[in-house]
Amino acid sequence: MSLLNYVKSRPPEGVGTEDPLPSGRHNTPSKPQEDGDETLRKTLSWIVVVSVSLFALFGLGWLIYLGFNPLFSELYYDTLKDHFRAVIGLPMAAAASLFIVLVLRATHGRIEFDTIGMKFKGASGPIVLWLISFLGITLAIKHLW
């Protein structure tokens, strides 16, 4: 069908069919549109990822500052030397685990997985993944130290 025949066969404006969009555009986007809630969730997830990273860097900077401060240096050094894995290792392992879960959630969507006879969906997926990654990192710290 040629364009001229299409224009001739089309009913007059306001009679029969109306365009769903008044601007004449068709509602067929080239890529699928995301739901507004999903876009908000992704944006907030990335904000939390950046916030956790900045908080971890701030905490590390604060610990370095305390190490060079003469008032706290001896007490700080003794505590840090005796309990380094607990003072630095565990909080950084928790932050790294949260970072892993949030990045996976933001890039690939909902976290759902199956293990031996168990299915983790909804809120249990990220919680179990965080727990597994936290335990993995802490076991690595214990075995490598």
N, C-alpha and C. Protein backbone atom coordinates (compact mmCIF):
# COMPACT_ATOMS: atom_id res chain seq x y z
N MET A 1 0.84 -1.17 0.00
CA MET A 1 0.00 0.00 0.00
C MET A 1 0.90 1.24 0.00
N SER A 2 0.67 2.12 -0.91
CA SER A 2 1.49 3.32 -1.01
C SER A 2 1.02 4.35 0.00
N LEU A 3 1.82 5.37 0.21
CA LEU A 3 1.49 6.42 1.16
C LEU A 3 0.26 7.19 0.71
N LEU A 4 0.13 7.41 -0.60
CA LEU A 4 -1.02 8.15 -1.12
C LEU A 4 -2.31 7.38 -0.88
N ASN A 5 -2.31 6.09 -1.11
CA ASN A 5 -3.49 5.28 -0.85
C ASN A 5 -3.81 5.23 0.65
N TYR A 6 -2.78 5.22 1.49
CA TYR A 6 -2.99 5.20 2.94
C TYR A 6 -3.68 6.48 3.38
N VAL A 7 -3.21 7.62 2.86
CA VAL A 7 -3.79 8.90 3.25
C VAL A 7 -5.24 8.99 2.77
N LYS A 8 -5.52 8.47 1.55
CA LYS A 8 -6.89 8.52 1.03
C LYS A 8 -7.82 7.60 1.81
N SER A 9 -7.32 6.44 2.24
CA SER A 9 -8.18 5.48 2.92
C SER A 9 -8.37 5.80 4.40
N ARG A 10 -7.61 6.71 4.89
CA ARG A 10 -7.69 7.07 6.30
C ARG A 10 -8.94 7.92 6.55
N PRO A 11 -9.71 7.64 7.61
CA PRO A 11 -10.90 8.44 7.89
C PRO A 11 -10.52 9.86 8.31
N PRO A 12 -11.43 10.80 8.17
CA PRO A 12 -11.15 12.18 8.57
C PRO A 12 -10.84 12.27 10.07
N GLU A 13 -10.17 13.34 10.43
CA GLU A 13 -9.75 13.57 11.81
C GLU A 13 -10.97 13.59 12.73
N GLY A 14 -10.90 12.87 13.83
CA GLY A 14 -11.97 12.86 14.81
C GLY A 14 -13.07 11.86 14.52
N VAL A 15 -13.01 11.16 13.40
CA VAL A 15 -14.02 10.17 13.05
C VAL A 15 -13.38 8.80 13.10
N GLY A 16 -14.01 7.87 13.78
CA GLY A 16 -13.50 6.50 13.81
C GLY A 16 -12.39 6.32 14.82
N THR A 17 -11.16 6.25 14.36
CA THR A 17 -10.03 5.99 15.26
C THR A 17 -9.31 7.28 15.60
N GLU A 18 -8.86 7.35 16.81
CA GLU A 18 -8.05 8.48 17.25
C GLU A 18 -6.67 7.97 17.62
N ASP A 19 -5.68 8.80 17.45
CA ASP A 19 -4.33 8.43 17.85
C ASP A 19 -4.28 8.33 19.37
N PRO A 20 -3.65 7.27 19.89
CA PRO A 20 -3.55 7.17 21.35
C PRO A 20 -2.70 8.28 21.94
N LEU A 21 -1.75 8.77 21.17
CA LEU A 21 -0.92 9.87 21.65
C LEU A 21 -1.22 11.10 20.80
N PRO A 22 -1.55 12.23 21.42
CA PRO A 22 -1.95 13.40 20.64
C PRO A 22 -0.85 13.95 19.75
N SER A 23 0.38 13.70 20.05
CA SER A 23 1.46 14.26 19.23
C SER A 23 1.67 13.50 17.94
N GLY A 24 0.97 12.40 17.74
CA GLY A 24 1.13 11.62 16.52
C GLY A 24 2.18 10.54 16.64
N ARG A 25 2.87 10.49 17.76
CA ARG A 25 3.88 9.45 17.97
C ARG A 25 3.18 8.14 18.30
N HIS A 26 3.84 7.09 18.01
CA HIS A 26 3.30 5.78 18.35
C HIS A 26 3.94 5.30 19.64
N ASN A 27 3.22 4.55 20.41
CA ASN A 27 3.70 4.06 21.70
C ASN A 27 4.48 2.76 21.52
N THR A 28 5.50 2.80 20.69
CA THR A 28 6.37 1.63 20.48
C THR A 28 7.82 2.08 20.67
N PRO A 29 8.29 2.11 21.90
CA PRO A 29 9.67 2.56 22.13
C PRO A 29 10.66 1.56 21.58
N SER A 30 11.86 2.07 21.26
CA SER A 30 12.89 1.18 20.72
C SER A 30 13.43 0.24 21.79
N LYS A 31 13.47 0.66 23.03
CA LYS A 31 13.87 -0.22 24.13
C LYS A 31 12.75 -0.25 25.16
N PRO A 32 12.62 -1.34 25.87
CA PRO A 32 11.51 -1.42 26.84
C PRO A 32 11.66 -0.38 27.94
N GLN A 33 10.57 0.26 28.28
CA GLN A 33 10.59 1.25 29.35
C GLN A 33 10.55 0.55 30.69
N GLU A 34 11.33 1.08 31.63
CA GLU A 34 11.35 0.50 32.95
C GLU A 34 10.21 1.09 33.78
N ASP A 35 9.76 0.31 34.71
CA ASP A 35 8.75 0.79 35.64
C ASP A 35 9.37 1.87 36.52
N GLY A 36 8.58 2.83 36.94
CA GLY A 36 9.10 3.91 37.77
C GLY A 36 9.67 3.42 39.09
N ASP A 37 9.03 2.40 39.68
CA ASP A 37 9.53 1.85 40.93
C ASP A 37 10.89 1.18 40.75
N GLU A 38 11.07 0.50 39.62
CA GLU A 38 12.34 -0.18 39.36
C GLU A 38 13.47 0.85 39.16
N THR A 39 13.17 1.94 38.47
CA THR A 39 14.16 2.99 38.28
C THR A 39 14.53 3.62 39.62
N LEU A 40 13.55 3.88 40.45
CA LEU A 40 13.82 4.44 41.78
C LEU A 40 14.65 3.47 42.61
N ARG A 41 14.32 2.19 42.55
CA ARG A 41 15.06 1.18 43.32
C ARG A 41 16.52 1.13 42.86
N LYS A 42 16.75 1.17 41.55
CA LYS A 42 18.12 1.13 41.05
C LYS A 42 18.89 2.38 41.46
N THR A 43 18.24 3.53 41.36
CA THR A 43 18.90 4.77 41.74
C THR A 43 19.26 4.77 43.22
N LEU A 44 18.32 4.37 44.05
CA LEU A 44 18.60 4.32 45.49
C LEU A 44 19.67 3.28 45.83
N SER A 45 19.68 2.17 45.09
CA SER A 45 20.71 1.16 45.33
C SER A 45 22.10 1.72 45.04
N TRP A 46 22.24 2.45 43.94
CA TRP A 46 23.54 3.03 43.62
C TRP A 46 23.91 4.12 44.62
N ILE A 47 22.92 4.86 45.12
CA ILE A 47 23.21 5.87 46.14
C ILE A 47 23.73 5.20 47.41
N VAL A 48 23.13 4.07 47.78
CA VAL A 48 23.58 3.34 48.97
C VAL A 48 24.98 2.76 48.73
N VAL A 49 25.25 2.23 47.53
CA VAL A 49 26.58 1.70 47.22
C VAL A 49 27.64 2.79 47.38
N VAL A 50 27.37 3.96 46.83
CA VAL A 50 28.33 5.06 46.94
C VAL A 50 28.46 5.51 48.40
N SER A 51 27.34 5.56 49.11
CA SER A 51 27.37 5.99 50.52
C SER A 51 28.17 5.02 51.39
N VAL A 52 27.96 3.71 51.17
CA VAL A 52 28.71 2.71 51.94
C VAL A 52 30.19 2.81 51.62
N SER A 53 30.52 3.01 50.37
CA SER A 53 31.94 3.15 49.99
C SER A 53 32.56 4.37 50.64
N LEU A 54 31.85 5.49 50.60
CA LEU A 54 32.38 6.70 51.23
C LEU A 54 32.49 6.55 52.74
N PHE A 55 31.52 5.89 53.36
CA PHE A 55 31.57 5.68 54.80
C PHE A 55 32.75 4.79 55.18
N ALA A 56 33.01 3.75 54.38
CA ALA A 56 34.16 2.87 54.64
C ALA A 56 35.46 3.64 54.48
N LEU A 57 35.54 4.48 53.47
CA LEU A 57 36.76 5.29 53.29
C LEU A 57 36.92 6.30 54.43
N PHE A 58 35.80 6.89 54.88
CA PHE A 58 35.86 7.80 56.01
C PHE A 58 36.34 7.08 57.26
N GLY A 59 35.80 5.88 57.51
CA GLY A 59 36.22 5.10 58.68
C GLY A 59 37.68 4.75 58.63
N LEU A 60 38.16 4.37 57.47
CA LEU A 60 39.59 4.06 57.32
C LEU A 60 40.44 5.31 57.54
N GLY A 61 39.98 6.45 56.99
CA GLY A 61 40.71 7.70 57.20
C GLY A 61 40.73 8.11 58.67
N TRP A 62 39.61 7.89 59.36
CA TRP A 62 39.54 8.21 60.78
C TRP A 62 40.50 7.34 61.59
N LEU A 63 40.59 6.07 61.24
CA LEU A 63 41.52 5.19 61.93
C LEU A 63 42.98 5.60 61.67
N ILE A 64 43.25 6.03 60.47
CA ILE A 64 44.61 6.51 60.17
C ILE A 64 44.90 7.79 60.96
N TYR A 65 43.92 8.69 61.03
CA TYR A 65 44.08 9.92 61.80
C TYR A 65 44.35 9.61 63.27
N LEU A 66 43.59 8.67 63.84
CA LEU A 66 43.81 8.32 65.25
C LEU A 66 45.19 7.73 65.46
N GLY A 67 45.70 7.04 64.46
CA GLY A 67 47.03 6.46 64.58
C GLY A 67 48.13 7.50 64.67
N PHE A 68 47.91 8.65 64.02
CA PHE A 68 48.94 9.70 64.05
C PHE A 68 48.68 10.76 65.12
N ASN A 69 47.56 10.69 65.80
CA ASN A 69 47.24 11.64 66.86
C ASN A 69 47.99 11.23 68.13
N PRO A 70 48.80 12.14 68.72
CA PRO A 70 49.60 11.76 69.89
C PRO A 70 48.78 11.36 71.11
N LEU A 71 47.57 11.88 71.26
CA LEU A 71 46.76 11.53 72.42
C LEU A 71 46.28 10.08 72.38
N PHE A 72 45.98 9.59 71.21
CA PHE A 72 45.42 8.26 71.08
C PHE A 72 46.38 7.23 70.52
N SER A 73 47.56 7.66 70.11
CA SER A 73 48.42 6.77 69.33
C SER A 73 48.84 5.52 70.11
N GLU A 74 49.21 5.63 71.38
CA GLU A 74 49.68 4.45 72.11
C GLU A 74 48.54 3.47 72.38
N LEU A 75 47.42 3.96 72.88
CA LEU A 75 46.26 3.11 73.13
C LEU A 75 45.73 2.53 71.82
N TYR A 76 45.66 3.38 70.82
CA TYR A 76 45.17 2.96 69.51
C TYR A 76 46.09 1.90 68.91
N TYR A 77 47.39 2.13 69.00
CA TYR A 77 48.34 1.20 68.42
C TYR A 77 48.27 -0.16 69.12
N ASP A 78 48.18 -0.17 70.45
CA ASP A 78 48.09 -1.45 71.18
C ASP A 78 46.82 -2.20 70.82
N THR A 79 45.69 -1.50 70.77
CA THR A 79 44.42 -2.15 70.43
C THR A 79 44.45 -2.64 68.98
N LEU A 80 44.96 -1.82 68.10
CA LEU A 80 45.02 -2.20 66.69
C LEU A 80 45.96 -3.38 66.47
N LYS A 81 47.08 -3.38 67.19
CA LYS A 81 48.04 -4.47 67.03
C LYS A 81 47.48 -5.79 67.56
N ASP A 82 46.78 -5.74 68.69
CA ASP A 82 46.27 -6.96 69.30
C ASP A 82 44.99 -7.48 68.63
N HIS A 83 44.17 -6.58 68.12
CA HIS A 83 42.85 -6.99 67.59
C HIS A 83 42.58 -6.41 66.21
N PHE A 84 43.55 -6.49 65.33
CA PHE A 84 43.40 -5.88 64.01
C PHE A 84 42.26 -6.51 63.21
N ARG A 85 42.15 -7.83 63.29
CA ARG A 85 41.09 -8.50 62.53
C ARG A 85 39.71 -8.06 62.99
N ALA A 86 39.55 -7.81 64.29
CA ALA A 86 38.24 -7.39 64.80
C ALA A 86 37.98 -5.91 64.56
N VAL A 87 39.03 -5.08 64.68
CA VAL A 87 38.85 -3.63 64.56
C VAL A 87 38.71 -3.21 63.10
N ILE A 88 39.50 -3.77 62.24
CA ILE A 88 39.50 -3.37 60.83
C ILE A 88 38.85 -4.44 59.95
N GLY A 89 39.19 -5.68 60.16
CA GLY A 89 38.77 -6.75 59.26
C GLY A 89 37.27 -6.99 59.20
N LEU A 90 36.62 -7.13 60.35
CA LEU A 90 35.19 -7.43 60.35
C LEU A 90 34.33 -6.29 59.82
N PRO A 91 34.57 -5.04 60.21
CA PRO A 91 33.76 -3.97 59.60
C PRO A 91 33.98 -3.85 58.09
N MET A 92 35.20 -4.02 57.64
CA MET A 92 35.46 -3.95 56.20
C MET A 92 34.85 -5.16 55.48
N ALA A 93 34.82 -6.32 56.13
CA ALA A 93 34.18 -7.50 55.53
C ALA A 93 32.67 -7.27 55.41
N ALA A 94 32.07 -6.66 56.42
CA ALA A 94 30.64 -6.35 56.36
C ALA A 94 30.35 -5.35 55.25
N ALA A 95 31.18 -4.31 55.13
CA ALA A 95 30.98 -3.31 54.08
C ALA A 95 31.19 -3.93 52.70
N ALA A 96 32.19 -4.79 52.56
CA ALA A 96 32.44 -5.44 51.27
C ALA A 96 31.30 -6.37 50.90
N SER A 97 30.75 -7.08 51.85
CA SER A 97 29.61 -7.97 51.58
C SER A 97 28.39 -7.17 51.17
N LEU A 98 28.13 -6.07 51.86
CA LEU A 98 27.01 -5.21 51.48
C LEU A 98 27.23 -4.63 50.09
N PHE A 99 28.45 -4.24 49.79
CA PHE A 99 28.78 -3.71 48.47
C PHE A 99 28.50 -4.75 47.39
N ILE A 100 28.90 -5.99 47.62
CA ILE A 100 28.67 -7.07 46.65
C ILE A 100 27.18 -7.26 46.42
N VAL A 101 26.41 -7.34 47.48
CA VAL A 101 24.96 -7.57 47.35
C VAL A 101 24.29 -6.41 46.64
N LEU A 102 24.64 -5.17 47.00
CA LEU A 102 23.99 -4.01 46.40
C LEU A 102 24.35 -3.85 44.93
N VAL A 103 25.60 -4.11 44.58
CA VAL A 103 26.00 -4.01 43.17
C VAL A 103 25.29 -5.08 42.35
N LEU A 104 25.21 -6.30 42.86
CA LEU A 104 24.49 -7.34 42.14
C LEU A 104 23.01 -6.99 42.00
N ARG A 105 22.43 -6.45 43.03
CA ARG A 105 21.01 -6.07 42.99
C ARG A 105 20.79 -4.94 41.98
N ALA A 106 21.68 -3.96 41.98
CA ALA A 106 21.51 -2.81 41.09
C ALA A 106 21.77 -3.18 39.63
N THR A 107 22.68 -4.10 39.37
CA THR A 107 23.02 -4.41 37.98
C THR A 107 22.17 -5.52 37.40
N HIS A 108 21.78 -6.50 38.19
CA HIS A 108 21.06 -7.66 37.65
C HIS A 108 19.64 -7.81 38.18
N GLY A 109 19.18 -6.92 39.02
CA GLY A 109 17.80 -7.01 39.51
C GLY A 109 17.68 -7.87 40.75
N ARG A 110 16.52 -8.46 40.91
CA ARG A 110 16.24 -9.25 42.10
C ARG A 110 17.21 -10.42 42.24
N ILE A 111 17.58 -10.68 43.48
CA ILE A 111 18.50 -11.78 43.77
C ILE A 111 17.68 -12.98 44.21
N GLU A 112 17.65 -14.00 43.39
CA GLU A 112 16.96 -15.24 43.69
C GLU A 112 17.87 -16.39 43.28
N PHE A 113 18.00 -17.37 44.16
CA PHE A 113 18.82 -18.52 43.81
C PHE A 113 18.34 -19.75 44.55
N ASP A 114 18.72 -20.90 44.02
CA ASP A 114 18.36 -22.19 44.59
C ASP A 114 19.62 -22.89 45.07
N THR A 115 19.51 -23.55 46.21
CA THR A 115 20.60 -24.39 46.69
C THR A 115 20.04 -25.79 46.90
N ILE A 116 20.71 -26.59 47.64
CA ILE A 116 20.30 -27.98 47.83
C ILE A 116 18.95 -28.00 48.57
N GLY A 117 17.87 -28.15 47.82
CA GLY A 117 16.56 -28.27 48.40
C GLY A 117 15.94 -26.99 48.94
N MET A 118 16.57 -25.83 48.75
CA MET A 118 16.03 -24.58 49.26
C MET A 118 16.00 -23.54 48.15
N LYS A 119 14.97 -22.71 48.17
CA LYS A 119 14.86 -21.60 47.23
C LYS A 119 14.84 -20.31 48.03
N PHE A 120 15.63 -19.36 47.60
CA PHE A 120 15.69 -18.06 48.27
C PHE A 120 15.16 -17.01 47.31
N LYS A 121 14.02 -16.41 47.67
CA LYS A 121 13.38 -15.36 46.87
C LYS A 121 12.99 -14.21 47.78
N GLY A 122 12.70 -13.09 47.18
CA GLY A 122 12.26 -11.94 47.95
C GLY A 122 13.38 -11.37 48.81
N ALA A 123 13.09 -11.09 50.06
CA ALA A 123 14.08 -10.51 50.96
C ALA A 123 15.12 -11.52 51.42
N SER A 124 14.79 -12.81 51.36
CA SER A 124 15.74 -13.82 51.84
C SER A 124 16.95 -13.96 50.92
N GLY A 125 16.78 -13.69 49.63
CA GLY A 125 17.89 -13.81 48.69
C GLY A 125 19.07 -12.92 49.03
N PRO A 126 18.86 -11.59 49.14
CA PRO A 126 19.99 -10.72 49.49
C PRO A 126 20.55 -10.99 50.89
N ILE A 127 19.69 -11.35 51.83
CA ILE A 127 20.17 -11.61 53.20
C ILE A 127 21.10 -12.82 53.21
N VAL A 128 20.67 -13.90 52.56
CA VAL A 128 21.49 -15.12 52.54
C VAL A 128 22.78 -14.88 51.74
N LEU A 129 22.70 -14.13 50.64
CA LEU A 129 23.90 -13.83 49.86
C LEU A 129 24.87 -12.97 50.68
N TRP A 130 24.35 -12.00 51.43
CA TRP A 130 25.22 -11.19 52.29
C TRP A 130 25.89 -12.06 53.34
N LEU A 131 25.12 -12.96 53.96
CA LEU A 131 25.67 -13.83 54.99
C LEU A 131 26.75 -14.74 54.42
N ILE A 132 26.50 -15.32 53.26
CA ILE A 132 27.48 -16.21 52.63
C ILE A 132 28.76 -15.44 52.28
N SER A 133 28.60 -14.25 51.69
CA SER A 133 29.81 -13.48 51.32
C SER A 133 30.54 -12.99 52.57
N PHE A 134 29.82 -12.58 53.62
CA PHE A 134 30.47 -12.14 54.85
C PHE A 134 31.24 -13.28 55.50
N LEU A 135 30.62 -14.46 55.58
CA LEU A 135 31.32 -15.61 56.16
C LEU A 135 32.52 -16.01 55.31
N GLY A 136 32.38 -15.93 54.01
CA GLY A 136 33.51 -16.25 53.13
C GLY A 136 34.68 -15.30 53.33
N ILE A 137 34.39 -14.01 53.43
CA ILE A 137 35.46 -13.03 53.63
C ILE A 137 36.09 -13.19 55.00
N THR A 138 35.28 -13.41 56.05
CA THR A 138 35.86 -13.57 57.39
C THR A 138 36.68 -14.86 57.50
N LEU A 139 36.23 -15.92 56.85
CA LEU A 139 37.04 -17.15 56.86
C LEU A 139 38.35 -16.95 56.11
N ALA A 140 38.31 -16.19 55.03
CA ALA A 140 39.54 -15.89 54.30
C ALA A 140 40.49 -15.06 55.16
N ILE A 141 39.95 -14.09 55.90
CA ILE A 141 40.78 -13.28 56.79
C ILE A 141 41.40 -14.16 57.86
N LYS A 142 40.61 -15.07 58.43
CA LYS A 142 41.12 -15.93 59.50
C LYS A 142 42.23 -16.85 58.98
N HIS A 143 42.00 -17.45 57.81
CA HIS A 143 42.99 -18.42 57.30
C HIS A 143 44.24 -17.75 56.76
N LEU A 144 44.11 -16.53 56.24
CA LEU A 144 45.28 -15.84 55.68
C LEU A 144 46.07 -15.06 56.71
N TRP A 145 45.52 -14.83 57.89
CA TRP A 145 46.22 -14.03 58.89
C TRP A 145 47.14 -14.89 59.69
